[in-house]
């Protein structure tokens, strides 16, 4: 209970405190001393005031931008395609007599795959050869007669017209020999068509016609297909803006901007990855760039080539494509989750020497793993808030804990070690 101090004019009733004024002074002295101490304590408690103690500044993790060489890539999608493919067809009519491979087998160039009955075509070849031999004998006789007529003409034993007529007979016989030889060659070719062989190294699909069936009756009959997958192509397209941007970049760098320099194309690395693969493990190089833009789609057809010795890549697969389009020797990178976005664009929060948070507007570039390239707006010495951004805001004081970014966060270490590649030419 607090004691109220009596103001002027206030009266304390005597009857209420009879013990205060009874007795001698010496007897009341200890009582007044205790009462004074109690009043002092009570008045001291009633006069205290609560003061606000601010909370400590929030802790945030800061790191300076990572400065390292990076390769800039163009990311596209494409499809694999066979290096070579051909339909194996029956080019002559006949019954299929043999299938000389196992479906899906890898074969070498020149390996026999199918056999068509040969008897008819062998007989035609023999007949053509016999006719050739007969007409060669006729020609020999005509040449002997021509020699004899020319001798008689010189002796004035026969008319000159007879010798000339015999000369025409020899020329006709020579022409006949030419026709006979062509018939022999044709018969020989048709006989060769009865054996269907592999035109190149590859894998043969399942056969489309069974033994004993008549093939080639109304035209070429497809027996199977052979596919060469080592090496293998990857086809993709560039949009018109990409085409023009790379063309300008090459022009500034003094690199070829045409599409016909095949030696230069082979120096441009291309990487691909399948849908179930991480990154881009397959490495090849550019092989072809179309010399024209497709007006219906506004794209340029591009092709790359890859080794495929283990046949891990099959034709027709969807692939992710990555090709280099530039290089920065000293790029600044920071954590992707440290980048904020608002109506003014992208920004980062940095902590100054006084531990006060500041906002910096930045222009971001390509993503490199967990990091993002900062093209402008950030200095190498800035301490960027990479953790605790929810507790930091411009003008607030924070307790920064400094750390360092690692190049491992930028993705593949190969990218950091690779020297500046040639951009893709267009």
Protein backbone atom coordinates (compact mmCIF):
# COMPACT_ATOMS: atom_id res chain seq x y z
CA UNK A 1 0.00 0.00 0.00
CA UNK A 2 1.34 3.46 -0.96
CA UNK A 3 1.10 6.28 1.60
CA UNK A 4 -0.39 9.53 0.35
CA UNK A 5 1.46 12.63 1.37
CA UNK A 6 -0.74 15.18 3.19
CA UNK A 7 -1.16 18.41 1.36
CA UNK A 8 -1.75 21.80 2.96
CA UNK A 9 -5.22 21.95 4.53
CA UNK A 10 -5.50 18.15 4.88
CA UNK A 11 -6.28 16.91 8.39
CA UNK A 12 -5.32 13.52 9.71
CA UNK A 13 -7.89 12.35 12.29
CA UNK A 14 -6.36 11.91 15.73
CA UNK A 15 -8.81 9.19 16.71
CA UNK A 16 -7.65 7.07 13.78
CA UNK A 17 -4.07 6.86 15.11
CA UNK A 18 -4.21 7.13 18.93
CA UNK A 19 -0.98 5.21 19.31
CA UNK A 20 1.00 7.84 17.39
CA UNK A 21 0.68 10.51 20.05
CA UNK A 22 0.47 8.51 23.26
CA UNK A 23 3.42 7.86 25.54
CA UNK A 24 6.80 9.56 25.78
CA UNK A 25 9.07 10.52 22.87
CA UNK A 26 11.71 8.08 23.82
CA UNK A 27 9.20 5.23 23.60
CA UNK A 28 7.89 6.33 20.20
CA UNK A 29 11.34 6.81 18.59
CA UNK A 30 11.93 3.20 17.38
CA UNK A 31 8.42 3.10 15.93
CA UNK A 32 8.88 6.29 13.88
CA UNK A 33 12.19 5.01 12.53
CA UNK A 34 10.61 1.81 11.27
CA UNK A 35 7.70 3.72 9.83
CA UNK A 36 10.02 6.10 7.96
CA UNK A 37 11.95 3.21 6.45
CA UNK A 38 8.75 1.54 5.31
CA UNK A 39 7.48 4.77 3.76
CA UNK A 40 10.74 5.29 1.92
CA UNK A 41 10.57 1.83 0.49
CA UNK A 42 6.94 2.26 -0.53
CA UNK A 43 7.49 5.65 -2.11
CA UNK A 44 10.57 4.39 -3.93
CA UNK A 45 8.58 1.50 -5.44
CA UNK A 46 5.77 3.74 -6.59
CA UNK A 47 8.16 6.15 -8.32
CA UNK A 48 9.93 3.55 -10.64
CA UNK A 49 9.42 3.70 -14.51
CA UNK A 50 9.81 0.86 -17.22
CA UNK A 51 12.43 1.68 -19.94
CA UNK A 52 12.38 0.01 -23.57
CA UNK A 53 15.44 -2.11 -24.35
CA UNK A 54 15.69 -2.65 -28.19
CA UNK A 55 16.26 -6.26 -29.43
CA UNK A 56 19.65 -7.18 -30.87
CA UNK A 57 20.01 -6.75 -34.68
CA UNK A 58 19.06 -9.87 -36.68
CA UNK A 59 21.82 -12.15 -37.88
CA UNK A 60 22.29 -12.52 -41.63
CA UNK A 61 24.86 -14.36 -43.75
CA UNK A 62 26.69 -12.23 -46.32
CA UNK A 63 29.19 -13.08 -49.04
CA UNK A 64 31.02 -11.14 -51.71
CA UNK A 65 30.25 -12.02 -55.35
CA UNK A 66 32.26 -14.88 -56.77
CA UNK A 67 34.53 -13.67 -59.57
CA UNK A 68 35.46 -16.38 -62.07
CA UNK A 69 35.62 -17.15 -65.81
CA UNK A 70 32.36 -18.51 -67.19
CA UNK A 71 31.15 -19.76 -70.55
CA UNK A 72 27.83 -18.41 -71.77
CA UNK A 73 25.57 -20.98 -73.38
CA UNK A 74 22.54 -21.09 -75.59
CA UNK A 75 20.03 -23.67 -74.36
CA UNK A 76 17.84 -25.41 -76.94
CA UNK A 77 16.01 -28.66 -77.58
CA UNK A 78 16.43 -31.11 -80.43
CA UNK A 79 16.13 -34.69 -81.64
CA UNK A 80 18.63 -37.36 -82.54
CA UNK A 81 18.73 -38.69 -86.10
CA UNK A 82 20.53 -41.57 -87.77
CA UNK A 83 23.78 -40.79 -89.53
CA UNK A 84 22.62 -42.96 -92.43
CA UNK A 85 19.46 -44.93 -93.09
CA UNK A 86 18.40 -46.94 -96.14
CA UNK A 87 15.55 -49.21 -97.12
CA UNK A 88 16.72 -52.60 -98.35
CA UNK A 89 14.53 -53.39 -101.35
CA UNK A 90 14.12 -56.19 -103.87
CA UNK A 91 14.93 -54.61 -107.22
CA UNK A 92 14.17 -57.72 -109.30
CA UNK A 93 11.21 -60.03 -109.33
CA UNK A 94 11.51 -63.44 -107.76
CA UNK A 95 10.84 -65.59 -104.71
CA UNK A 96 12.69 -64.81 -101.51
CA UNK A 97 15.01 -67.76 -100.96
CA UNK A 98 17.10 -66.76 -97.93
CA UNK A 99 17.30 -64.33 -95.00
CA UNK A 100 20.96 -64.26 -94.04
CA UNK A 101 20.97 -62.19 -90.81
CA UNK A 102 19.27 -62.00 -87.43
CA UNK A 103 16.79 -59.21 -86.89
CA UNK A 104 18.46 -56.30 -85.12
CA UNK A 105 22.00 -57.52 -85.84
CA UNK A 106 24.92 -55.19 -86.51
CA UNK A 107 26.43 -55.90 -89.92
CA UNK A 108 29.37 -54.72 -91.98
CA UNK A 109 29.24 -53.17 -95.40
CA UNK A 110 28.87 -55.82 -98.13
CA UNK A 111 27.34 -58.49 -95.88
CA UNK A 112 24.65 -60.55 -97.67
CA UNK A 113 21.25 -60.02 -96.03
CA UNK A 114 18.71 -61.52 -98.46
CA UNK A 115 18.79 -63.93 -101.38
CA UNK A 116 16.30 -63.97 -104.29
CA UNK A 117 16.04 -66.88 -106.73
CA UNK A 118 18.87 -66.65 -109.26
CA UNK A 119 18.03 -69.28 -111.90
CA UNK A 120 16.09 -67.04 -114.28
CA UNK A 121 18.64 -64.25 -114.15
CA UNK A 122 21.57 -66.63 -114.51
CA UNK A 123 19.93 -68.04 -117.65
CA UNK A 124 19.40 -64.54 -119.04
CA UNK A 125 23.06 -63.77 -118.45
CA UNK A 126 24.15 -66.97 -120.17
CA UNK A 127 21.89 -66.18 -123.15
CA UNK A 128 23.30 -62.67 -123.45
CA UNK A 129 26.83 -63.98 -123.35
CA UNK A 130 26.06 -66.55 -126.06
CA UNK A 131 24.54 -63.92 -128.33
CA UNK A 132 27.61 -61.77 -127.78
CA UNK A 133 29.89 -64.63 -128.78
CA UNK A 134 27.83 -65.35 -131.91
CA UNK A 135 27.87 -61.74 -133.07
CA UNK A 136 31.61 -61.50 -132.35
CA UNK A 137 32.13 -64.40 -134.77
CA UNK A 138 29.98 -62.66 -137.39
CA UNK A 139 32.04 -59.52 -136.95
CA UNK A 140 35.27 -61.46 -137.39
CA UNK A 141 34.02 -62.95 -140.65
CA UNK A 142 32.91 -59.51 -141.87
CA UNK A 143 36.33 -58.04 -141.13
CA UNK A 144 38.05 -60.85 -143.09
CA UNK A 145 35.77 -60.19 -146.04
CA UNK A 146 36.44 -56.47 -145.81
CA UNK A 147 40.19 -57.06 -145.97
CA UNK A 148 39.81 -59.34 -149.03
CA UNK A 149 37.51 -56.84 -150.81
CA UNK A 150 39.91 -54.00 -150.21
CA UNK A 151 42.72 -56.06 -151.75
CA UNK A 152 40.63 -56.90 -154.82
CA UNK A 153 39.64 -53.26 -155.16
CA UNK A 154 43.30 -52.26 -155.26
CA UNK A 155 43.82 -54.84 -157.98
CA UNK A 156 40.85 -53.43 -159.90
CA UNK A 157 39.23 -56.83 -159.71
CA UNK A 158 35.98 -55.61 -158.15
CA UNK A 159 34.09 -52.36 -158.04
CA UNK A 160 34.88 -49.92 -155.28
CA UNK A 161 31.23 -50.00 -154.23
CA UNK A 162 31.53 -53.62 -153.10
CA UNK A 163 34.39 -52.77 -150.74
CA UNK A 164 32.46 -49.84 -149.31
CA UNK A 165 29.36 -52.00 -148.75
CA UNK A 166 31.46 -54.52 -146.86
CA UNK A 167 32.83 -51.74 -144.72
CA UNK A 168 29.29 -50.80 -143.70
CA UNK A 169 28.59 -54.43 -142.80
CA UNK A 170 31.59 -54.41 -140.43
CA UNK A 171 30.33 -51.22 -138.75
CA UNK A 172 26.88 -52.75 -138.29
CA UNK A 173 28.38 -55.87 -136.76
CA UNK A 174 30.42 -53.75 -134.34
CA UNK A 175 27.26 -51.94 -133.25
CA UNK A 176 25.57 -55.28 -132.70
CA UNK A 177 28.50 -56.32 -130.52
CA UNK A 178 27.95 -53.17 -128.47
CA UNK A 179 24.28 -54.02 -127.97
CA UNK A 180 25.19 -57.56 -126.99
CA UNK A 181 27.72 -56.34 -124.47
CA UNK A 182 25.11 -54.01 -122.92
CA UNK A 183 22.72 -56.96 -122.68
CA UNK A 184 25.40 -58.97 -120.90
CA UNK A 185 26.03 -56.13 -118.48
CA UNK A 186 22.30 -55.73 -117.79
CA UNK A 187 21.86 -59.42 -117.18
CA UNK A 188 24.88 -59.40 -114.90
CA UNK A 189 23.45 -56.46 -112.91
CA UNK A 190 20.05 -58.14 -112.57
CA UNK A 191 21.76 -61.29 -111.37
CA UNK A 192 23.60 -59.20 -108.76
CA UNK A 193 20.28 -57.77 -107.57
CA UNK A 194 19.25 -61.26 -106.47
CA UNK A 195 21.65 -60.78 -103.57
CA UNK A 196 20.75 -57.90 -101.22
CA UNK A 197 23.80 -56.69 -99.27
CA UNK A 198 24.43 -54.04 -96.63
CA UNK A 199 25.36 -50.70 -98.28
CA UNK A 200 27.22 -49.53 -95.15
CA UNK A 201 27.96 -50.56 -91.57
CA UNK A 202 24.85 -50.47 -89.46
CA UNK A 203 22.04 -52.26 -87.65
CA UNK A 204 19.34 -54.03 -89.67
CA UNK A 205 15.73 -53.92 -88.54
CA UNK A 206 13.40 -56.92 -88.53
CA UNK A 207 12.61 -58.37 -91.96
CA UNK A 208 9.35 -57.27 -93.57
CA UNK A 209 8.89 -60.25 -95.94
CA UNK A 210 9.07 -63.93 -95.06
CA UNK A 211 10.74 -66.71 -97.04
CA UNK A 212 8.93 -67.97 -100.10
CA UNK A 213 7.09 -64.75 -100.89
CA UNK A 214 7.22 -63.20 -104.33
CA UNK A 215 9.00 -59.85 -104.22
CA UNK A 216 9.54 -57.13 -106.79
CA UNK A 217 6.46 -58.08 -108.80
CA UNK A 218 4.92 -54.62 -109.12
CA UNK A 219 7.94 -52.54 -108.15
CA UNK A 220 10.65 -52.45 -105.49
CA UNK A 221 9.64 -54.36 -102.33
CA UNK A 222 11.03 -53.18 -98.97
CA UNK A 223 12.63 -56.13 -97.20
CA UNK A 224 14.10 -54.31 -94.16
CA UNK A 225 15.86 -51.09 -93.16
CA UNK A 226 19.49 -50.57 -92.19
CA UNK A 227 20.44 -47.76 -89.84
CA UNK A 228 23.87 -46.37 -88.98
CA UNK A 229 23.94 -44.79 -85.52
CA UNK A 230 27.67 -44.28 -85.01
CA UNK A 231 28.18 -41.41 -85.37
CA UNK A 232 24.74 -39.92 -84.77
CA UNK A 233 23.20 -36.56 -85.67
CA UNK A 234 21.29 -34.14 -83.46
CA UNK A 235 18.97 -31.73 -85.25
CA UNK A 236 17.75 -28.50 -83.66
CA UNK A 237 16.71 -25.01 -84.72
CA UNK A 238 17.64 -21.42 -83.91
CA UNK A 239 15.01 -18.73 -83.78
CA UNK A 240 15.50 -15.62 -85.89
CA UNK A 241 16.41 -13.40 -82.86
CA UNK A 242 19.00 -15.97 -81.77
CA UNK A 243 20.32 -16.16 -85.30
CA UNK A 244 20.78 -12.39 -85.52
CA UNK A 245 22.24 -12.06 -82.00
CA UNK A 246 24.94 -14.67 -82.63
CA UNK A 247 25.68 -13.17 -86.03
CA UNK A 248 26.29 -9.76 -84.41
CA UNK A 249 28.39 -11.32 -81.67
CA UNK A 250 30.59 -13.09 -84.22
CA UNK A 251 30.98 -9.91 -86.24
CA UNK A 252 32.18 -7.99 -83.15
CA UNK A 253 34.61 -10.78 -82.26
CA UNK A 254 36.00 -10.94 -85.79
CA UNK A 255 34.76 -14.51 -86.26
CA UNK A 256 33.18 -15.98 -89.40
CA UNK A 257 29.51 -15.11 -89.75
CA UNK A 258 28.77 -17.33 -92.74
CA UNK A 259 27.52 -20.92 -92.68
CA UNK A 260 29.72 -22.51 -95.36
CA UNK A 261 32.97 -22.70 -93.37
CA UNK A 262 32.84 -26.40 -92.43
CA UNK A 263 36.31 -26.36 -90.85
CA UNK A 264 35.20 -23.62 -88.49
CA UNK A 265 31.93 -25.37 -87.68
CA UNK A 266 33.78 -28.49 -86.54
CA UNK A 267 35.57 -26.46 -83.84
CA UNK A 268 32.35 -25.41 -82.09
CA UNK A 269 31.51 -27.83 -79.24
CA UNK A 270 27.93 -28.93 -78.68
CA UNK A 271 26.69 -30.84 -75.62
CA UNK A 272 23.46 -32.77 -75.16
CA UNK A 273 21.64 -34.55 -72.35
CA UNK A 274 18.76 -37.02 -72.36
CA UNK A 275 15.60 -36.59 -70.30
CA UNK A 276 16.81 -38.93 -67.55
CA UNK A 277 20.36 -37.54 -67.40
CA UNK A 278 21.79 -34.74 -65.30
CA UNK A 279 23.66 -32.03 -67.14
CA UNK A 280 25.03 -32.52 -70.64
CA UNK A 281 27.28 -35.63 -70.63
CA UNK A 282 27.43 -36.22 -74.41
CA UNK A 283 29.94 -34.07 -76.30
CA UNK A 284 30.09 -33.44 -80.03
CA UNK A 285 30.54 -30.57 -82.44
CA UNK A 286 28.58 -28.52 -84.92
CA UNK A 287 28.28 -30.14 -88.32
CA UNK A 288 25.85 -28.14 -90.46
CA UNK A 289 23.97 -24.83 -90.51
CA UNK A 290 21.25 -24.18 -93.06
CA UNK A 291 22.09 -21.39 -95.53
CA UNK A 292 18.53 -20.06 -95.35
CA UNK A 293 15.84 -19.15 -92.84
CA UNK A 294 12.58 -21.08 -93.05
CA UNK A 295 10.03 -18.33 -93.75
CA UNK A 296 7.13 -20.39 -92.38
CA UNK A 297 8.70 -20.85 -88.93
CA UNK A 298 11.34 -18.12 -88.78
CA UNK A 299 14.00 -20.63 -87.75
CA UNK A 300 17.37 -21.84 -89.00
CA UNK A 301 18.04 -25.59 -89.13
CA UNK A 302 21.25 -26.65 -87.34
CA UNK A 303 22.86 -30.07 -86.98
CA UNK A 304 25.55 -31.46 -84.66
CA UNK A 305 27.37 -34.80 -84.77
CA UNK A 306 28.31 -37.09 -81.86
CA UNK A 307 30.24 -40.30 -81.40
CA UNK A 308 27.97 -43.18 -80.41
CA UNK A 309 30.16 -46.26 -80.20
CA UNK A 310 28.08 -47.86 -77.44
CA UNK A 311 24.80 -47.03 -79.21
CA UNK A 312 23.53 -45.24 -76.10
CA UNK A 313 21.80 -42.70 -78.34
CA UNK A 314 19.00 -43.95 -80.56
CA UNK A 315 17.54 -42.00 -83.48
CA UNK A 316 14.42 -40.03 -82.61
CA UNK A 317 15.23 -39.25 -78.97
CA UNK A 318 14.37 -35.86 -77.46
CA UNK A 319 17.51 -34.15 -76.15
CA UNK A 320 18.49 -30.96 -74.36
CA UNK A 321 21.11 -29.04 -76.34
CA UNK A 322 23.72 -26.62 -75.06
CA UNK A 323 26.07 -24.60 -77.25
CA UNK A 324 28.58 -21.87 -76.32
CA UNK A 325 27.80 -18.34 -77.47
CA UNK A 326 30.33 -16.32 -75.48
CA UNK A 327 32.82 -16.17 -72.62
CA UNK A 328 33.48 -13.84 -69.68
CA UNK A 329 36.90 -13.90 -68.02
CA UNK A 330 35.81 -12.13 -64.82
CA UNK A 331 32.12 -12.63 -64.33
CA UNK A 332 30.45 -11.72 -61.03
CA UNK A 333 28.14 -14.36 -59.61
CA UNK A 334 25.99 -14.52 -56.50
CA UNK A 335 23.43 -16.92 -55.09
CA UNK A 336 20.22 -17.20 -57.09
CA UNK A 337 18.08 -17.15 -53.93
CA UNK A 338 19.63 -13.80 -52.95
CA UNK A 339 18.00 -12.11 -55.96
CA UNK A 340 14.74 -10.31 -55.28
CA UNK A 341 12.27 -8.98 -57.81
CA UNK A 342 9.79 -6.14 -57.67
CA UNK A 343 8.21 -3.64 -60.04
CA UNK A 344 11.56 -1.93 -60.53
CA UNK A 345 13.29 -5.13 -61.54
CA UNK A 346 15.83 -7.43 -59.91
CA UNK A 347 17.74 -6.35 -56.81
CA UNK A 348 20.03 -7.60 -54.03
CA UNK A 349 20.47 -6.49 -50.43
CA UNK A 350 24.01 -5.52 -49.43
CA UNK A 351 25.43 -4.68 -46.01
CA UNK A 352 27.68 -1.63 -45.72
CA UNK A 353 30.57 -0.92 -43.35
CA UNK A 354 28.09 0.37 -40.72
CA UNK A 355 26.13 -2.92 -40.90
CA UNK A 356 23.16 -1.12 -42.46
CA UNK A 357 21.27 -2.85 -45.25
CA UNK A 358 21.11 -1.20 -48.67
CA UNK A 359 19.19 -2.14 -51.81
CA UNK A 360 20.97 -2.39 -55.15
CA UNK A 361 19.22 -2.81 -58.49
CA UNK A 362 21.03 -5.35 -60.66
CA UNK A 363 20.83 -6.83 -64.13
CA UNK A 364 21.03 -10.61 -64.08
CA UNK A 365 22.43 -12.94 -66.71
CA UNK A 366 22.55 -16.70 -67.14
CA UNK A 367 22.27 -19.16 -64.28
CA UNK A 368 25.38 -21.14 -63.41
CA UNK A 369 24.35 -23.95 -61.08
CA UNK A 370 23.12 -22.32 -57.86
CA UNK A 371 24.61 -18.97 -58.86
CA UNK A 372 23.50 -16.22 -61.22
CA UNK A 373 25.71 -13.96 -63.33
CA UNK A 374 25.31 -10.30 -62.38
CA UNK A 375 25.89 -8.24 -65.50
CA UNK A 376 25.62 -4.80 -63.85
CA UNK A 377 24.71 -3.06 -60.59
CA UNK A 378 27.03 -4.97 -58.24
CA UNK A 379 30.66 -4.37 -57.23
CA UNK A 380 33.16 -7.15 -56.41
CA UNK A 381 33.57 -5.77 -52.87
CA UNK A 382 29.86 -5.72 -51.98
CA UNK A 383 28.68 -7.98 -49.17
CA UNK A 384 25.44 -9.51 -50.44
CA UNK A 385 22.88 -10.97 -48.05
CA UNK A 386 22.58 -14.61 -49.10
CA UNK A 387 20.76 -15.96 -46.02
CA UNK A 388 18.27 -14.22 -43.78
CA UNK A 389 16.88 -11.91 -46.46
CA UNK A 390 13.44 -12.07 -44.76
CA UNK A 391 14.89 -10.29 -41.72
CA UNK A 392 16.78 -7.66 -43.69
CA UNK A 393 15.31 -4.58 -45.32
CA UNK A 394 16.83 -1.32 -46.57
CA UNK A 395 17.89 0.95 -43.71
CA UNK A 396 17.85 -1.79 -41.07
CA UNK A 397 20.89 -2.64 -38.99
CA UNK A 398 21.96 -6.27 -39.00
CA UNK A 399 24.63 -8.49 -37.51
CA UNK A 400 26.37 -9.89 -40.61
CA UNK A 401 28.21 -13.20 -40.59
CA UNK A 402 30.65 -13.36 -43.47
CA UNK A 403 31.22 -16.41 -45.64
CA UNK A 404 32.58 -17.22 -49.11
CA UNK A 405 30.91 -18.57 -52.22
CA UNK A 406 32.43 -21.66 -53.83
CA UNK A 407 32.95 -22.36 -57.50
CA UNK A 408 31.29 -25.73 -56.89
CA UNK A 409 28.01 -23.85 -56.52
CA UNK A 410 28.47 -22.57 -60.08
CA UNK A 411 27.92 -26.07 -61.47
CA UNK A 412 30.40 -28.12 -63.47
CA UNK A 413 34.00 -27.30 -62.74
CA UNK A 414 34.75 -27.99 -66.40
CA UNK A 415 32.93 -24.80 -67.36
CA UNK A 416 35.15 -22.73 -65.10
CA UNK A 417 38.32 -24.29 -66.50
CA UNK A 418 37.37 -24.17 -70.15
CA UNK A 419 39.07 -21.47 -72.15
CA UNK A 420 36.93 -19.13 -74.21
CA UNK A 421 35.25 -21.19 -76.93
CA UNK A 422 34.28 -19.96 -80.35
CA UNK A 423 30.67 -18.79 -80.50
CA UNK A 424 28.28 -20.57 -82.80
CA UNK A 425 28.41 -18.87 -86.22
CA UNK A 426 25.37 -17.73 -88.11
